[in-house]
Amino acid sequence: MVKINHNELLTYPNKYDQIFFGSVRDAWNMGAVAVDATVYFGSKESDRQIVEVAKAFEEAHNAGMAIILWCYSRNDAFIKDSILLQYSCR
């Protein structure tokens, strides 16, 4: 399995932007039977990430490879709302 996108974590503040550094073909040529990728739902870049990952996963599927999607919510509004919800339900 080869992860084909990655978030650069050295920028401050963190941008939560997964970018592709490899391709499905690269993974296939290395002998991988699966590829995985991450999407940060709620981030400013999530629309682009979803489209890029969908295209890559279609290519992997056509090559007979397995796919794994890692999903994380990355939006301050999600965190604040969920914390408030926890307190209001008690």
PDB file of N, CA and C in Angstrom:
ATOM      1  N   MET A   1       0.849  -1.168   0.000  1.00  0.00           N
ATOM      2  CA  MET A   1       0.000   0.000   0.000  1.00  0.00           C
ATOM      3  C   MET A   1       0.897   1.234   0.000  1.00  0.00           C
ATOM      4  N   VAL A   2       0.522   2.201  -0.834  1.00  0.00           N
ATOM      5  CA  VAL A   2       1.281   3.445  -0.934  1.00  0.00           C
ATOM      6  C   VAL A   2       0.329   4.627  -0.756  1.00  0.00           C
ATOM      7  N   LYS A   3       0.696   5.532   0.170  1.00  0.00           N
ATOM      8  CA  LYS A   3      -0.087   6.766   0.331  1.00  0.00           C
ATOM      9  C   LYS A   3       0.368   7.742  -0.742  1.00  0.00           C
ATOM     10  N   ILE A   4      -0.590   8.309  -1.476  1.00  0.00           N
ATOM     11  CA  ILE A   4      -0.232   9.130  -2.632  1.00  0.00           C
ATOM     12  C   ILE A   4      -0.429  10.635  -2.409  1.00  0.00           C
ATOM     13  N   ASN A   5      -0.947  11.029  -1.244  1.00  0.00           N
ATOM     14  CA  ASN A   5      -0.997  12.467  -0.931  1.00  0.00           C
ATOM     15  C   ASN A   5      -0.531  12.674   0.504  1.00  0.00           C
ATOM     16  N   HIS A   6      -0.213  13.914   0.833  1.00  0.00           N
ATOM     17  CA  HIS A   6       0.382  14.189   2.144  1.00  0.00           C
ATOM     18  C   HIS A   6       0.162  15.649   2.514  1.00  0.00           C
ATOM     19  N   ASN A   7       0.091  15.924   3.810  1.00  0.00           N
ATOM     20  CA  ASN A   7      -0.023  17.287   4.326  1.00  0.00           C
ATOM     21  C   ASN A   7       1.336  17.729   4.841  1.00  0.00           C
ATOM     22  N   GLU A   8       1.817  18.837   4.324  1.00  0.00           N
ATOM     23  CA  GLU A   8       3.072  19.412   4.792  1.00  0.00           C
ATOM     24  C   GLU A   8       2.794  20.105   6.116  1.00  0.00           C
ATOM     25  N   LEU A   9       3.416  19.639   7.175  1.00  0.00           N
ATOM     26  CA  LEU A   9       3.081  20.107   8.527  1.00  0.00           C
ATOM     27  C   LEU A   9       4.042  21.162   9.082  1.00  0.00           C
ATOM     28  N   LEU A  10       4.956  21.670   8.274  1.00  0.00           N
ATOM     29  CA  LEU A  10       5.921  22.639   8.782  1.00  0.00           C
ATOM     30  C   LEU A  10       5.435  24.077   8.695  1.00  0.00           C
ATOM     31  N   THR A  11       4.374  24.320   7.946  1.00  0.00           N
ATOM     32  CA  THR A  11       3.830  25.671   7.812  1.00  0.00           C
ATOM     33  C   THR A  11       3.060  26.045   9.080  1.00  0.00           C
ATOM     34  N   TYR A  12       3.218  27.289   9.520  1.00  0.00           N
ATOM     35  CA  TYR A  12       2.453  27.758  10.669  1.00  0.00           C
ATOM     36  C   TYR A  12       1.685  29.004  10.276  1.00  0.00           C
ATOM     37  N   PRO A  13       0.413  29.065  10.482  1.00  0.00           N
ATOM     38  CA  PRO A  13      -0.407  27.971  10.989  1.00  0.00           C
ATOM     39  C   PRO A  13      -0.613  26.893   9.915  1.00  0.00           C
ATOM     40  N   ASN A  14      -0.921  25.698  10.366  1.00  0.00           N
ATOM     41  CA  ASN A  14      -1.101  24.578   9.458  1.00  0.00           C
ATOM     42  C   ASN A  14      -2.244  24.854   8.499  1.00  0.00           C
ATOM     43  N   LYS A  15      -2.085  24.435   7.223  1.00  0.00           N
ATOM     44  CA  LYS A  15      -3.073  24.729   6.196  1.00  0.00           C
ATOM     45  C   LYS A  15      -4.061  23.589   5.964  1.00  0.00           C
ATOM     46  N   TYR A  16      -3.828  22.425   6.499  1.00  0.00           N
ATOM     47  CA  TYR A  16      -4.698  21.263   6.274  1.00  0.00           C
ATOM     48  C   TYR A  16      -4.945  21.031   4.793  1.00  0.00           C
ATOM     49  N   ASP A  17      -3.868  21.021   4.022  1.00  0.00           N
ATOM     50  CA  ASP A  17      -3.983  20.852   2.583  1.00  0.00           C
ATOM     51  C   ASP A  17      -3.214  19.618   2.140  1.00  0.00           C
ATOM     52  N   GLN A  18      -3.924  18.569   1.809  1.00  0.00           N
ATOM     53  CA  GLN A  18      -3.304  17.358   1.281  1.00  0.00           C
ATOM     54  C   GLN A  18      -2.941  17.600  -0.186  1.00  0.00           C
ATOM     55  N   ILE A  19      -1.684  17.356  -0.534  1.00  0.00           N
ATOM     56  CA  ILE A  19      -1.248  17.506  -1.920  1.00  0.00           C
ATOM     57  C   ILE A  19      -0.675  16.176  -2.408  1.00  0.00           C
ATOM     58  N   PHE A  20      -0.833  15.924  -3.697  1.00  0.00           N
ATOM     59  CA  PHE A  20      -0.318  14.690  -4.276  1.00  0.00           C
ATOM     60  C   PHE A  20       1.179  14.790  -4.489  1.00  0.00           C
ATOM     61  N   PHE A  21       1.905  13.773  -4.049  1.00  0.00           N
ATOM     62  CA  PHE A  21       3.343  13.698  -4.280  1.00  0.00           C
ATOM     63  C   PHE A  21       3.690  12.445  -5.066  1.00  0.00           C
ATOM     64  N   GLY A  22       2.720  11.582  -5.301  1.00  0.00           N
ATOM     65  CA  GLY A  22       2.917  10.363  -6.063  1.00  0.00           C
ATOM     66  C   GLY A  22       1.688  10.107  -6.908  1.00  0.00           C
ATOM     67  N   SER A  23       1.775   9.107  -7.737  1.00  0.00           N
ATOM     68  CA  SER A  23       0.642   8.781  -8.595  1.00  0.00           C
ATOM     69  C   SER A  23       0.286   7.307  -8.444  1.00  0.00           C
ATOM     70  N   VAL A  24      -0.880   6.972  -8.921  1.00  0.00           N
ATOM     71  CA  VAL A  24      -1.306   5.576  -8.916  1.00  0.00           C
ATOM     72  C   VAL A  24      -0.329   4.755  -9.748  1.00  0.00           C
ATOM     73  N   ARG A  25       0.091   5.281 -10.884  1.00  0.00           N
ATOM     74  CA  ARG A  25       1.045   4.560 -11.749  1.00  0.00           C
ATOM     75  C   ARG A  25       2.357   4.311 -11.015  1.00  0.00           C
ATOM     76  N   ASP A  26       2.845   5.315 -10.266  1.00  0.00           N
ATOM     77  CA  ASP A  26       4.069   5.131  -9.475  1.00  0.00           C
ATOM     78  C   ASP A  26       3.893   3.978  -8.488  1.00  0.00           C
ATOM     79  N   ALA A  27       2.762   3.983  -7.796  1.00  0.00           N
ATOM     80  CA  ALA A  27       2.495   2.924  -6.816  1.00  0.00           C
ATOM     81  C   ALA A  27       2.430   1.563  -7.502  1.00  0.00           C
ATOM     82  N   TRP A  28       1.741   1.504  -8.624  1.00  0.00           N
ATOM     83  CA  TRP A  28       1.621   0.249  -9.392  1.00  0.00           C
ATOM     84  C   TRP A  28       3.004  -0.251  -9.822  1.00  0.00           C
ATOM     85  N   ASN A  29       3.843   0.672 -10.312  1.00  0.00           N
ATOM     86  CA  ASN A  29       5.188   0.302 -10.768  1.00  0.00           C
ATOM     87  C   ASN A  29       6.073  -0.189  -9.627  1.00  0.00           C
ATOM     88  N   MET A  30       5.779   0.242  -8.397  1.00  0.00           N
ATOM     89  CA  MET A  30       6.533  -0.233  -7.229  1.00  0.00           C
ATOM     90  C   MET A  30       6.017  -1.580  -6.731  1.00  0.00           C
ATOM     91  N   GLY A  31       4.931  -2.061  -7.320  1.00  0.00           N
ATOM     92  CA  GLY A  31       4.388  -3.356  -6.921  1.00  0.00           C
ATOM     93  C   GLY A  31       3.287  -3.270  -5.880  1.00  0.00           C
ATOM     94  N   ALA A  32       2.790  -2.073  -5.615  1.00  0.00           N
ATOM     95  CA  ALA A  32       1.725  -1.925  -4.619  1.00  0.00           C
ATOM     96  C   ALA A  32       0.428  -2.539  -5.130  1.00  0.00           C
ATOM     97  N   VAL A  33      -0.340  -3.076  -4.208  1.00  0.00           N
ATOM     98  CA  VAL A  33      -1.662  -3.622  -4.562  1.00  0.00           C
ATOM     99  C   VAL A  33      -2.772  -2.702  -4.088  1.00  0.00           C
ATOM    100  N   ALA A  34      -2.392  -1.604  -3.415  1.00  0.00           N
ATOM    101  CA  ALA A  34      -3.387  -0.658  -2.899  1.00  0.00           C
ATOM    102  C   ALA A  34      -2.760   0.725  -2.810  1.00  0.00           C
ATOM    103  N   VAL A  35      -3.623   1.738  -2.882  1.00  0.00           N
ATOM    104  CA  VAL A  35      -3.211   3.118  -2.625  1.00  0.00           C
ATOM    105  C   VAL A  35      -4.150   3.702  -1.582  1.00  0.00           C
ATOM    106  N   ASP A  36      -3.622   4.648  -0.821  1.00  0.00           N
ATOM    107  CA  ASP A  36      -4.480   5.348   0.129  1.00  0.00           C
ATOM    108  C   ASP A  36      -4.207   6.835   0.036  1.00  0.00           C
ATOM    109  N   ALA A  37      -5.217   7.607   0.443  1.00  0.00           N
ATOM    110  CA  ALA A  37      -5.138   9.060   0.389  1.00  0.00           C
ATOM    111  C   ALA A  37      -6.009   9.635   1.500  1.00  0.00           C
ATOM    112  N   THR A  38      -5.738  10.882   1.841  1.00  0.00           N
ATOM    113  CA  THR A  38      -6.464  11.565   2.907  1.00  0.00           C
ATOM    114  C   THR A  38      -7.221  12.754   2.338  1.00  0.00           C
ATOM    115  N   VAL A  39      -8.424  12.972   2.867  1.00  0.00           N
ATOM    116  CA  VAL A  39      -9.196  14.175   2.572  1.00  0.00           C
ATOM    117  C   VAL A  39      -9.528  14.839   3.906  1.00  0.00           C
ATOM    118  N   TYR A  40      -9.270  16.143   4.002  1.00  0.00           N
ATOM    119  CA  TYR A  40      -9.617  16.922   5.185  1.00  0.00           C
ATOM    120  C   TYR A  40     -10.943  17.622   4.919  1.00  0.00           C
ATOM    121  N   PHE A  41     -12.041  16.975   5.279  1.00  0.00           N
ATOM    122  CA  PHE A  41     -13.361  17.562   5.070  1.00  0.00           C
ATOM    123  C   PHE A  41     -13.518  18.815   5.923  1.00  0.00           C
ATOM    124  N   GLY A  42     -14.078  19.853   5.325  1.00  0.00           N
ATOM    125  CA  GLY A  42     -14.277  21.118   6.020  1.00  0.00           C
ATOM    126  C   GLY A  42     -13.141  22.097   5.848  1.00  0.00           C
ATOM    127  N   SER A  43     -12.004  21.639   5.335  1.00  0.00           N
ATOM    128  CA  SER A  43     -10.896  22.575   5.102  1.00  0.00           C
ATOM    129  C   SER A  43     -11.187  23.413   3.858  1.00  0.00           C
ATOM    130  N   LYS A  44     -10.467  24.502   3.719  1.00  0.00           N
ATOM    131  CA  LYS A  44     -10.658  25.374   2.559  1.00  0.00           C
ATOM    132  C   LYS A  44     -10.373  24.636   1.251  1.00  0.00           C
ATOM    133  N   GLU A  45      -9.518  23.634   1.298  1.00  0.00           N
ATOM    134  CA  GLU A  45      -9.089  22.917   0.103  1.00  0.00           C
ATOM    135  C   GLU A  45      -9.833  21.607  -0.111  1.00  0.00           C
ATOM    136  N   SER A  46     -10.849  21.314   0.688  1.00  0.00           N
ATOM    137  CA  SER A  46     -11.485  19.991   0.632  1.00  0.00           C
ATOM    138  C   SER A  46     -12.143  19.692  -0.713  1.00  0.00           C
ATOM    139  N   ASP A  47     -12.729  20.679  -1.368  1.00  0.00           N
ATOM    140  CA  ASP A  47     -13.350  20.418  -2.671  1.00  0.00           C
ATOM    141  C   ASP A  47     -12.326  19.887  -3.664  1.00  0.00           C
ATOM    142  N   ARG A  48     -11.165  20.541  -3.730  1.00  0.00           N
ATOM    143  CA  ARG A  48     -10.101  20.098  -4.633  1.00  0.00           C
ATOM    144  C   ARG A  48      -9.590  18.716  -4.241  1.00  0.00           C
ATOM    145  N   GLN A  49      -9.416  18.493  -2.937  1.00  0.00           N
ATOM    146  CA  GLN A  49      -8.917  17.203  -2.466  1.00  0.00           C
ATOM    147  C   GLN A  49      -9.865  16.066  -2.869  1.00  0.00           C
ATOM    148  N   ILE A  50     -11.164  16.286  -2.717  1.00  0.00           N
ATOM    149  CA  ILE A  50     -12.154  15.257  -3.055  1.00  0.00           C
ATOM    150  C   ILE A  50     -12.069  14.905  -4.534  1.00  0.00           C
ATOM    151  N   VAL A  51     -11.972  15.902  -5.391  1.00  0.00           N
ATOM    152  CA  VAL A  51     -11.899  15.663  -6.835  1.00  0.00           C
ATOM    153  C   VAL A  51     -10.616  14.914  -7.190  1.00  0.00           C
ATOM    154  N   GLU A  52      -9.484  15.354  -6.642  1.00  0.00           N
ATOM    155  CA  GLU A  52      -8.201  14.699  -6.940  1.00  0.00           C
ATOM    156  C   GLU A  52      -8.195  13.241  -6.482  1.00  0.00           C
ATOM    157  N   VAL A  53      -8.681  12.999  -5.286  1.00  0.00           N
ATOM    158  CA  VAL A  53      -8.693  11.632  -4.756  1.00  0.00           C
ATOM    159  C   VAL A  53      -9.653  10.756  -5.551  1.00  0.00           C
ATOM    160  N   ALA A  54     -10.810  11.289  -5.923  1.00  0.00           N
ATOM    161  CA  ALA A  54     -11.765  10.508  -6.705  1.00  0.00           C
ATOM    162  C   ALA A  54     -11.155  10.073  -8.036  1.00  0.00           C
ATOM    163  N   LYS A  55     -10.446  10.976  -8.708  1.00  0.00           N
ATOM    164  CA  LYS A  55      -9.802  10.631  -9.985  1.00  0.00           C
ATOM    165  C   LYS A  55      -8.729   9.560  -9.785  1.00  0.00           C
ATOM    166  N   ALA A  56      -7.918   9.724  -8.764  1.00  0.00           N
ATOM    167  CA  ALA A  56      -6.863   8.751  -8.494  1.00  0.00           C
ATOM    168  C   ALA A  56      -7.452   7.388  -8.133  1.00  0.00           C
ATOM    169  N   PHE A  57      -8.507   7.390  -7.320  1.00  0.00           N
ATOM    170  CA  PHE A  57      -9.117   6.122  -6.928  1.00  0.00           C
ATOM    171  C   PHE A  57      -9.788   5.428  -8.108  1.00  0.00           C
ATOM    172  N   GLU A  58     -10.324   6.192  -9.038  1.00  0.00           N
ATOM    173  CA  GLU A  58     -10.888   5.584 -10.248  1.00  0.00           C
ATOM    174  C   GLU A  58      -9.785   4.892 -11.050  1.00  0.00           C
ATOM    175  N   GLU A  59      -8.641   5.555 -11.170  1.00  0.00           N
ATOM    176  CA  GLU A  59      -7.506   4.955 -11.875  1.00  0.00           C
ATOM    177  C   GLU A  59      -7.045   3.679 -11.168  1.00  0.00           C
ATOM    178  N   ALA A  60      -6.961   3.732  -9.840  1.00  0.00           N
ATOM    179  CA  ALA A  60      -6.545   2.557  -9.075  1.00  0.00           C
ATOM    180  C   ALA A  60      -7.551   1.415  -9.240  1.00  0.00           C
ATOM    181  N   HIS A  61      -8.814   1.730  -9.181  1.00  0.00           N
ATOM    182  CA  HIS A  61      -9.863   0.723  -9.348  1.00  0.00           C
ATOM    183  C   HIS A  61      -9.737   0.057 -10.721  1.00  0.00           C
ATOM    184  N   ASN A  62      -9.517   0.866 -11.761  1.00  0.00           N
ATOM    185  CA  ASN A  62      -9.372   0.329 -13.113  1.00  0.00           C
ATOM    186  C   ASN A  62      -8.142  -0.570 -13.246  1.00  0.00           C
ATOM    187  N   ALA A  63      -7.138  -0.339 -12.409  1.00  0.00           N
ATOM    188  CA  ALA A  63      -5.930  -1.171 -12.415  1.00  0.00           C
ATOM    189  C   ALA A  63      -6.078  -2.393 -11.512  1.00  0.00           C
ATOM    190  N   GLY A  64      -7.228  -2.518 -10.852  1.00  0.00           N
ATOM    191  CA  GLY A  64      -7.457  -3.662  -9.966  1.00  0.00           C
ATOM    192  C   GLY A  64      -6.848  -3.512  -8.586  1.00  0.00           C
ATOM    193  N   MET A  65      -6.535  -2.288  -8.212  1.00  0.00           N
ATOM    194  CA  MET A  65      -5.925  -2.039  -6.900  1.00  0.00           C
ATOM    195  C   MET A  65      -6.999  -1.734  -5.866  1.00  0.00           C
ATOM    196  N   ALA A  66      -6.688  -2.047  -4.616  1.00  0.00           N
ATOM    197  CA  ALA A  66      -7.554  -1.671  -3.503  1.00  0.00           C
ATOM    198  C   ALA A  66      -7.304  -0.199  -3.169  1.00  0.00           C
ATOM    199  N   ILE A  67      -8.293   0.441  -2.542  1.00  0.00           N
ATOM    200  CA  ILE A  67      -8.177   1.850  -2.161  1.00  0.00           C
ATOM    201  C   ILE A  67      -8.595   2.030  -0.710  1.00  0.00           C
ATOM    202  N   ILE A  68      -7.953   2.966  -0.052  1.00  0.00           N
ATOM    203  CA  ILE A  68      -8.281   3.289   1.338  1.00  0.00           C
ATOM    204  C   ILE A  68      -8.353   4.801   1.450  1.00  0.00           C
ATOM    205  N   LEU A  69      -9.455   5.301   1.983  1.00  0.00           N
ATOM    206  CA  LEU A  69      -9.640   6.735   2.167  1.00  0.00           C
ATOM    207  C   LEU A  69      -9.584   7.064   3.652  1.00  0.00           C
ATOM    208  N   TRP A  70      -8.679   7.968   4.010  1.00  0.00           N
ATOM    209  CA  TRP A  70      -8.577   8.476   5.369  1.00  0.00           C
ATOM    210  C   TRP A  70      -9.318   9.808   5.395  1.00  0.00           C
ATOM    211  N   CYS A  71     -10.257   9.967   6.312  1.00  0.00           N
ATOM    212  CA  CYS A  71     -11.095  11.170   6.373  1.00  0.00           C
ATOM    213  C   CYS A  71     -10.967  11.820   7.748  1.00  0.00           C
ATOM    214  N   TYR A  72     -10.754  13.115   7.743  1.00  0.00           N
ATOM    215  CA  TYR A  72     -10.672  13.885   8.986  1.00  0.00           C
ATOM    216  C   TYR A  72     -11.423  15.192   8.796  1.00  0.00           C
ATOM    217  N   SER A  73     -12.120  15.643   9.823  1.00  0.00           N
ATOM    218  CA  SER A  73     -12.749  16.961   9.758  1.00  0.00           C
ATOM    219  C   SER A  73     -11.736  17.988  10.242  1.00  0.00           C
ATOM    220  N   ARG A  74     -11.551  19.006   9.436  1.00  0.00           N
ATOM    221  CA  ARG A  74     -10.585  20.060   9.747  1.00  0.00           C
ATOM    222  C   ARG A  74     -11.241  21.412   9.531  1.00  0.00           C
ATOM    223  N   ASN A  75     -12.008  21.809  10.529  1.00  0.00           N
ATOM    224  CA  ASN A  75     -12.683  23.095  10.474  1.00  0.00           C
ATOM    225  C   ASN A  75     -12.985  23.489  11.911  1.00  0.00           C
ATOM    226  N   ASP A  76     -12.525  24.647  12.315  1.00  0.00           N
ATOM    227  CA  ASP A  76     -12.730  25.084  13.701  1.00  0.00           C
ATOM    228  C   ASP A  76     -14.201  25.106  14.096  1.00  0.00           C
ATOM    229  N   ALA A  77     -15.089  25.378  13.164  1.00  0.00           N
ATOM    230  CA  ALA A  77     -16.516  25.410  13.467  1.00  0.00           C
ATOM    231  C   ALA A  77     -17.027  24.037  13.891  1.00  0.00           C
ATOM    232  N   PHE A  78     -16.486  22.974  13.321  1.00  0.00           N
ATOM    233  CA  PHE A  78     -16.903  21.626  13.704  1.00  0.00           C
ATOM    234  C   PHE A  78     -16.548  21.356  15.159  1.00  0.00           C
ATOM    235  N   ILE A  79     -15.351  21.748  15.543  1.00  0.00           N
ATOM    236  CA  ILE A  79     -14.875  21.481  16.902  1.00  0.00           C
ATOM    237  C   ILE A  79     -15.689  22.278  17.912  1.00  0.00           C
ATOM    238  N   LYS A  80     -15.910  23.553  17.653  1.00  0.00           N
ATOM    239  CA  LYS A  80     -16.659  24.387  18.584  1.00  0.00           C
ATOM    240  C   LYS A  80     -18.084  23.874  18.745  1.00  0.00           C
ATOM    241  N   ASP A  81     -18.740  23.550  17.643  1.00  0.00           N
ATOM    242  CA  ASP A  81     -20.117  23.060  17.715  1.00  0.00           C
ATOM    243  C   ASP A  81     -20.206  21.745  18.471  1.00  0.00           C
ATOM    244  N   SER A  82     -19.254  20.835  18.233  1.00  0.00           N
ATOM    245  CA  SER A  82     -19.329  19.539  18.904  1.00  0.00           C
ATOM    246  C   SER A  82     -19.064  19.684  20.394  1.00  0.00           C
ATOM    247  N   ILE A  83     -18.185  20.604  20.790  1.00  0.00           N
ATOM    248  CA  ILE A  83     -17.931  20.832  22.214  1.00  0.00           C
ATOM    249  C   ILE A  83     -19.179  21.427  22.860  1.00  0.00           C
ATOM    250  N   LEU A  84     -19.784  22.400  22.218  1.00  0.00           N
ATOM    251  CA  LEU A  84     -21.002  22.998  22.765  1.00  0.00           C
ATOM    252  C   LEU A  84     -22.119  21.968  22.859  1.00  0.00           C
ATOM    253  N   LEU A  85     -22.215  21.111  21.874  1.00  0.00           N
ATOM    254  CA  LEU A  85     -23.239  20.079  21.882  1.00  0.00           C
ATOM    255  C   LEU A  85     -23.041  19.119  23.054  1.00  0.00           C
ATOM    256  N   GLN A  86     -21.781  18.751  23.321  1.00  0.00           N
ATOM    257  CA  GLN A  86     -21.512  17.844  24.427  1.00  0.00           C
ATOM    258  C   GLN A  86     -21.968  18.467  25.762  1.00  0.00           C
ATOM    259  N   TYR A  87     -21.658  19.737  25.957  1.00  0.00           N
ATOM    260  CA  TYR A  87     -22.023  20.397  27.206  1.00  0.00           C
ATOM    261  C   TYR A  87     -23.522  20.607  27.331  1.00  0.00           C
ATOM    262  N   SER A  88     -24.190  20.897  26.234  1.00  0.00           N
ATOM    263  CA  SER A  88     -25.630  21.156  26.315  1.00  0.00           C
ATOM    264  C   SER A  88     -26.426  19.876  26.504  1.00  0.00           C
ATOM    265  N   CYS A  89     -25.847  18.719  26.197  1.00  0.00           N
ATOM    266  CA  CYS A  89     -26.563  17.454  26.338  1.00  0.00           C
ATOM    267  C   CYS A  89     -26.434  16.872  27.740  1.00  0.00           C
ATOM    268  N   ARG A  90     -25.634  17.431  28.575  1.00  0.00           N
ATOM    269  CA  ARG A  90     -25.399  16.861  29.923  1.00  0.00           C
ATOM    270  C   ARG A  90     -26.449  17.276  30.892  1.00  0.00           C
TER     271      ARG A  90
END
